[in-house]
């Protein structure tokens, strides 16, 4: 079980590094068990960010900053 938690923690760290500079990402939850850890303001605005999962965030590709 510790290996699974370690893997999830590593995945979270890599995700933070990858999408951390996205202008729409306002927060990434530190809870590795949370299914929608990314608070995104792209469609809802700064006041009411929506929670999305990692796949949704990566598919959006705003983190690339093109």
N, C-alpha and C. Protein backbone atom coordinates (compact mmCIF):
# COMPACT_ATOMS: atom_id res chain seq x y z
N UNK A 1 0.82 -1.20 0.00
CA UNK A 1 0.00 0.00 0.00
C UNK A 1 0.86 1.26 0.00
N UNK A 2 2.00 1.21 0.66
CA UNK A 2 2.90 2.36 0.69
C UNK A 2 3.42 2.69 -0.71
N UNK A 3 3.62 1.68 -1.53
CA UNK A 3 4.10 1.90 -2.88
C UNK A 3 3.06 2.65 -3.71
N UNK A 4 1.79 2.34 -3.52
CA UNK A 4 0.72 3.03 -4.25
C UNK A 4 0.64 4.49 -3.82
N UNK A 5 0.73 4.75 -2.55
CA UNK A 5 0.72 6.12 -2.05
C UNK A 5 1.94 6.89 -2.56
N UNK A 6 3.07 6.25 -2.59
CA UNK A 6 4.29 6.88 -3.10
C UNK A 6 4.15 7.21 -4.59
N UNK A 7 3.56 6.30 -5.34
CA UNK A 7 3.33 6.53 -6.77
C UNK A 7 2.37 7.70 -6.99
N UNK A 8 1.29 7.75 -6.21
CA UNK A 8 0.33 8.85 -6.32
C UNK A 8 0.98 10.18 -5.94
N UNK A 9 1.83 10.18 -4.94
CA UNK A 9 2.53 11.39 -4.53
C UNK A 9 3.48 11.86 -5.62
N UNK A 10 4.18 10.93 -6.24
CA UNK A 10 5.08 11.29 -7.35
C UNK A 10 4.30 11.84 -8.53
N UNK A 11 3.16 11.23 -8.84
CA UNK A 11 2.31 11.70 -9.94
C UNK A 11 1.81 13.11 -9.66
N UNK A 12 1.42 13.38 -8.43
CA UNK A 12 0.97 14.72 -8.05
C UNK A 12 2.09 15.73 -8.21
N UNK A 13 3.27 15.38 -7.77
CA UNK A 13 4.42 16.28 -7.88
C UNK A 13 4.73 16.61 -9.34
N UNK A 14 4.71 15.60 -10.19
CA UNK A 14 4.96 15.81 -11.61
C UNK A 14 3.86 16.66 -12.25
N UNK A 15 2.63 16.44 -11.83
CA UNK A 15 1.52 17.24 -12.35
C UNK A 15 1.67 18.69 -11.96
N UNK A 16 2.04 18.94 -10.72
CA UNK A 16 2.25 20.31 -10.26
C UNK A 16 3.34 20.99 -11.07
N UNK A 17 4.41 20.27 -11.34
CA UNK A 17 5.50 20.83 -12.14
C UNK A 17 5.05 21.12 -13.57
N UNK A 18 4.23 20.26 -14.13
CA UNK A 18 3.81 20.41 -15.52
C UNK A 18 2.79 21.53 -15.70
N UNK A 19 1.76 21.57 -14.85
CA UNK A 19 0.67 22.52 -15.06
C UNK A 19 0.70 23.69 -14.10
N UNK A 20 1.69 23.74 -13.25
CA UNK A 20 1.76 24.79 -12.25
C UNK A 20 1.80 26.21 -12.78
N UNK A 21 2.21 26.39 -14.02
CA UNK A 21 2.31 27.73 -14.60
C UNK A 21 1.10 28.09 -15.46
N UNK A 22 0.09 27.25 -15.49
CA UNK A 22 -1.10 27.54 -16.27
C UNK A 22 -1.81 28.75 -15.67
N UNK A 23 -2.19 29.69 -16.51
CA UNK A 23 -2.82 30.92 -16.02
C UNK A 23 -4.22 30.67 -15.47
N UNK A 24 -4.82 29.53 -15.76
CA UNK A 24 -6.15 29.21 -15.25
C UNK A 24 -6.13 28.33 -14.01
N UNK A 25 -5.00 27.77 -13.68
CA UNK A 25 -4.89 26.88 -12.52
C UNK A 25 -4.70 27.74 -11.27
N UNK A 26 -5.70 27.72 -10.39
CA UNK A 26 -5.60 28.55 -9.20
C UNK A 26 -5.10 27.77 -7.98
N UNK A 27 -5.25 26.44 -8.00
CA UNK A 27 -4.83 25.63 -6.86
C UNK A 27 -4.80 24.16 -7.26
N UNK A 28 -3.87 23.42 -6.70
CA UNK A 28 -3.84 21.97 -6.88
C UNK A 28 -3.86 21.37 -5.49
N UNK A 29 -4.87 20.56 -5.22
CA UNK A 29 -5.05 19.97 -3.89
C UNK A 29 -3.85 19.09 -3.52
N UNK A 30 -3.51 19.11 -2.26
CA UNK A 30 -2.39 18.27 -1.79
C UNK A 30 -2.86 16.86 -1.42
N UNK A 31 -4.17 16.62 -1.43
CA UNK A 31 -4.72 15.30 -1.11
C UNK A 31 -4.60 14.40 -2.34
N UNK A 32 -3.74 13.39 -2.26
CA UNK A 32 -3.50 12.52 -3.41
C UNK A 32 -4.68 11.61 -3.72
N UNK A 33 -5.65 11.52 -2.83
CA UNK A 33 -6.82 10.66 -3.05
C UNK A 33 -7.99 11.42 -3.68
N UNK A 34 -7.86 12.72 -3.81
CA UNK A 34 -8.92 13.55 -4.35
C UNK A 34 -9.02 13.33 -5.87
N UNK A 35 -10.22 13.03 -6.37
CA UNK A 35 -10.39 12.69 -7.79
C UNK A 35 -10.33 13.90 -8.71
N UNK A 36 -10.66 15.08 -8.22
CA UNK A 36 -10.60 16.31 -9.02
C UNK A 36 -9.76 17.34 -8.28
N UNK A 37 -8.44 17.17 -8.31
CA UNK A 37 -7.56 17.99 -7.47
C UNK A 37 -7.20 19.37 -8.01
N UNK A 38 -7.60 19.68 -9.23
CA UNK A 38 -7.16 20.92 -9.86
C UNK A 38 -8.30 21.92 -9.90
N UNK A 39 -8.04 23.09 -9.36
CA UNK A 39 -9.03 24.16 -9.36
C UNK A 39 -8.76 25.05 -10.56
N UNK A 40 -9.68 25.03 -11.51
CA UNK A 40 -9.49 25.73 -12.78
C UNK A 40 -10.48 26.88 -12.91
N UNK A 41 -10.00 28.01 -13.40
CA UNK A 41 -10.84 29.20 -13.54
C UNK A 41 -11.16 29.51 -15.00
N UNK A 42 -10.82 28.62 -15.90
CA UNK A 42 -10.97 28.91 -17.34
C UNK A 42 -12.42 29.22 -17.74
N UNK A 43 -13.37 28.45 -17.28
CA UNK A 43 -14.76 28.62 -17.71
C UNK A 43 -15.65 29.29 -16.66
N UNK A 44 -15.19 29.34 -15.43
CA UNK A 44 -16.05 29.84 -14.35
C UNK A 44 -15.58 31.15 -13.75
N UNK A 45 -14.38 31.59 -14.08
CA UNK A 45 -13.86 32.84 -13.54
C UNK A 45 -13.09 32.64 -12.25
N UNK A 46 -12.40 33.69 -11.85
CA UNK A 46 -11.52 33.63 -10.69
C UNK A 46 -12.25 33.40 -9.37
N UNK A 47 -13.46 33.89 -9.26
CA UNK A 47 -14.18 33.80 -7.99
C UNK A 47 -14.70 32.40 -7.71
N UNK A 48 -15.09 31.67 -8.75
CA UNK A 48 -15.69 30.35 -8.57
C UNK A 48 -14.97 29.31 -9.44
N UNK A 49 -13.75 28.92 -9.07
CA UNK A 49 -13.05 27.91 -9.89
C UNK A 49 -13.78 26.57 -9.84
N UNK A 50 -13.70 25.84 -10.91
CA UNK A 50 -14.29 24.50 -10.96
C UNK A 50 -13.18 23.47 -10.72
N UNK A 51 -13.53 22.35 -10.13
CA UNK A 51 -12.56 21.29 -9.86
C UNK A 51 -12.55 20.32 -11.04
N UNK A 52 -11.37 20.04 -11.56
CA UNK A 52 -11.23 19.12 -12.68
C UNK A 52 -10.19 18.06 -12.35
N UNK A 53 -10.25 16.96 -13.09
CA UNK A 53 -9.26 15.92 -12.88
C UNK A 53 -8.03 16.19 -13.76
N UNK A 54 -7.02 15.41 -13.56
CA UNK A 54 -5.76 15.62 -14.26
C UNK A 54 -5.93 15.45 -15.77
N UNK A 55 -6.74 14.47 -16.18
CA UNK A 55 -6.93 14.22 -17.61
C UNK A 55 -7.58 15.42 -18.31
N UNK A 56 -8.56 16.02 -17.66
CA UNK A 56 -9.24 17.19 -18.23
C UNK A 56 -8.26 18.35 -18.36
N UNK A 57 -7.46 18.54 -17.35
CA UNK A 57 -6.49 19.64 -17.37
C UNK A 57 -5.46 19.44 -18.47
N UNK A 58 -4.93 18.25 -18.59
CA UNK A 58 -3.92 17.98 -19.61
C UNK A 58 -4.51 18.06 -21.01
N UNK A 59 -5.77 17.67 -21.19
CA UNK A 59 -6.42 17.74 -22.50
C UNK A 59 -6.64 19.20 -22.93
N UNK A 60 -6.85 20.09 -21.99
CA UNK A 60 -7.07 21.50 -22.28
C UNK A 60 -5.81 22.12 -22.90
N UNK A 61 -4.66 21.76 -22.43
CA UNK A 61 -3.35 22.18 -22.91
C UNK A 61 -3.05 23.67 -22.71
N UNK A 62 -3.79 24.35 -21.88
CA UNK A 62 -3.49 25.75 -21.58
C UNK A 62 -2.17 25.87 -20.81
N UNK A 63 -1.77 24.80 -20.15
CA UNK A 63 -0.52 24.83 -19.36
C UNK A 63 0.70 25.04 -20.25
N UNK A 64 0.54 24.80 -21.55
CA UNK A 64 1.66 24.98 -22.47
C UNK A 64 2.00 26.44 -22.71
N UNK A 65 1.04 27.31 -22.45
CA UNK A 65 1.29 28.74 -22.58
C UNK A 65 1.66 29.20 -23.98
N UNK A 66 0.96 28.70 -24.97
CA UNK A 66 1.28 29.02 -26.35
C UNK A 66 1.08 30.44 -26.73
